[in-house]
Amino acid sequence: MTPVNTAIVHINASLLREIDKNTFISCITGACADEKWKGHVLSFFLETPTWLIHDMVLSGAFTFKELMDAQTRWKTEEYADENTTRWIREMGYLSMGKAAELGIARFI
């Protein structure tokens, strides 16, 4: 099972409406902003472990920059796990070569 499929199975387990792989990726990459999927996106940012998110990025499903943008677009700050949110931001800045802006240049 791919990392994205693993996450989707977990997300769909707790919600009435099921989201499919393409719609989920579209929600993260910005191609879809339909509010009916907000619960799925919030569940993803709240419950998905960082190792699985990392595997999803490595598999090419989306980038850390797209994850950062999705957190802003879907206004996840009230719901998302704080450690996951911080980790995504750090990984995003590292991947964009902007670690110094976050004060995390010591990691590179």
Protein backbone atom coordinates (compact mmCIF):
# COMPACT_ATOMS: atom_id res chain seq x y z
CA MET A 1 0.00 0.00 0.00
CA THR A 2 1.36 3.44 -0.90
CA PRO A 3 1.88 6.08 1.80
CA VAL A 4 -1.01 8.16 0.42
CA ASN A 5 -3.35 5.17 0.43
CA THR A 6 -2.33 4.36 4.01
CA ALA A 7 -3.18 7.90 5.12
CA ILE A 8 -6.49 7.90 3.25
CA VAL A 9 -7.62 4.64 4.84
CA HIS A 10 -6.94 6.16 8.25
CA ILE A 11 -8.65 9.47 7.39
CA ASN A 12 -11.73 7.78 5.93
CA ALA A 13 -12.12 5.48 8.94
CA SER A 14 -13.40 8.32 11.12
CA LEU A 15 -15.54 10.26 8.63
CA LEU A 16 -18.88 9.55 6.99
CA ARG A 17 -17.90 10.56 3.46
CA GLU A 18 -14.89 8.90 1.87
CA ILE A 19 -12.28 10.91 0.02
CA ASP A 20 -10.36 9.32 -2.85
CA LYS A 21 -6.62 9.61 -3.50
CA ASN A 22 -6.82 12.15 -6.33
CA THR A 23 -9.23 14.43 -4.48
CA PHE A 24 -7.11 14.30 -1.34
CA ILE A 25 -3.93 15.17 -3.23
CA SER A 26 -5.82 17.97 -5.00
CA CYS A 27 -6.87 19.35 -1.62
CA ILE A 28 -3.24 19.46 -0.49
CA THR A 29 -1.80 20.83 -3.74
CA GLY A 30 -4.43 23.54 -4.08
CA ALA A 31 -6.31 22.20 -7.10
CA CYS A 32 -9.40 21.58 -4.93
CA ALA A 33 -10.79 23.87 -2.23
CA ASP A 34 -14.24 22.33 -1.81
CA GLU A 35 -15.26 22.83 1.83
CA LYS A 36 -16.88 19.38 1.95
CA TRP A 37 -13.36 17.95 2.23
CA LYS A 38 -12.20 20.21 5.05
CA GLY A 39 -12.80 17.55 7.71
CA HIS A 40 -10.58 15.14 5.81
CA VAL A 41 -7.78 17.68 5.50
CA LEU A 42 -8.06 18.63 9.18
CA SER A 43 -8.02 14.96 10.16
CA PHE A 44 -4.90 14.44 8.05
CA PHE A 45 -3.02 17.28 9.74
CA LEU A 46 -4.20 16.25 13.20
CA GLU A 47 -3.75 12.49 13.09
CA THR A 48 -1.15 11.56 10.48
CA PRO A 49 2.28 10.79 11.94
CA THR A 50 5.21 12.76 10.59
CA TRP A 51 6.97 9.63 9.34
CA LEU A 52 3.98 8.91 7.07
CA ILE A 53 3.78 12.52 5.86
CA HIS A 54 7.50 12.32 5.08
CA ASP A 55 6.97 9.11 3.12
CA MET A 56 4.17 10.82 1.17
CA VAL A 57 6.49 13.68 0.21
CA LEU A 58 9.28 11.27 -0.73
CA SER A 59 6.82 9.33 -2.91
CA GLY A 60 6.10 12.54 -4.86
CA ALA A 61 2.47 12.97 -3.81
CA PHE A 62 3.14 16.62 -2.87
CA THR A 63 5.90 18.83 -1.50
CA PHE A 64 6.55 20.34 1.89
CA LYS A 65 5.81 23.76 0.38
CA GLU A 66 2.41 22.48 -0.77
CA LEU A 67 1.78 21.11 2.74
CA MET A 68 2.65 24.51 4.25
CA ASP A 69 0.34 26.25 1.80
CA ALA A 70 -2.44 23.72 2.51
CA GLN A 71 -2.19 24.39 6.23
CA THR A 72 -2.73 28.09 5.53
CA ARG A 73 -5.44 27.59 2.91
CA TRP A 74 -7.45 25.18 5.05
CA LYS A 75 -6.81 27.17 8.25
CA THR A 76 -5.59 24.12 10.14
CA GLU A 77 -3.81 25.96 12.96
CA GLU A 78 -6.72 25.48 15.37
CA TYR A 79 -6.97 21.76 14.72
CA ALA A 80 -3.62 20.45 13.55
CA ASP A 81 -1.10 18.85 15.84
CA GLU A 82 1.33 21.60 16.89
CA ASN A 83 4.41 19.38 16.56
CA THR A 84 3.38 18.25 13.08
CA THR A 85 2.68 21.83 12.01
CA ARG A 86 6.09 23.00 13.23
CA TRP A 87 7.82 20.03 11.61
CA ILE A 88 6.13 20.68 8.24
CA ARG A 89 7.14 24.34 8.39
CA GLU A 90 10.75 23.45 9.22
CA MET A 91 10.92 20.86 6.46
CA GLY A 92 9.33 23.31 4.03
CA TYR A 93 11.86 26.02 4.81
CA LEU A 94 14.72 23.53 4.60
CA SER A 95 13.50 22.22 1.23
CA MET A 96 13.22 25.77 -0.13
CA GLY A 97 16.70 26.72 1.08
CA LYS A 98 15.29 29.24 3.56
CA ALA A 99 16.38 27.59 6.81
CA ALA A 100 18.11 30.75 8.04
CA GLU A 101 14.80 32.63 7.91
CA LEU A 102 13.40 30.23 10.48
CA GLY A 103 16.59 30.10 12.50
CA ILE A 104 17.11 26.44 11.72
CA ALA A 105 20.22 26.79 9.56
CA ARG A 106 22.09 24.75 12.18
CA PHE A 107 20.50 21.64 10.68
CA ILE A 108 22.13 22.00 7.28
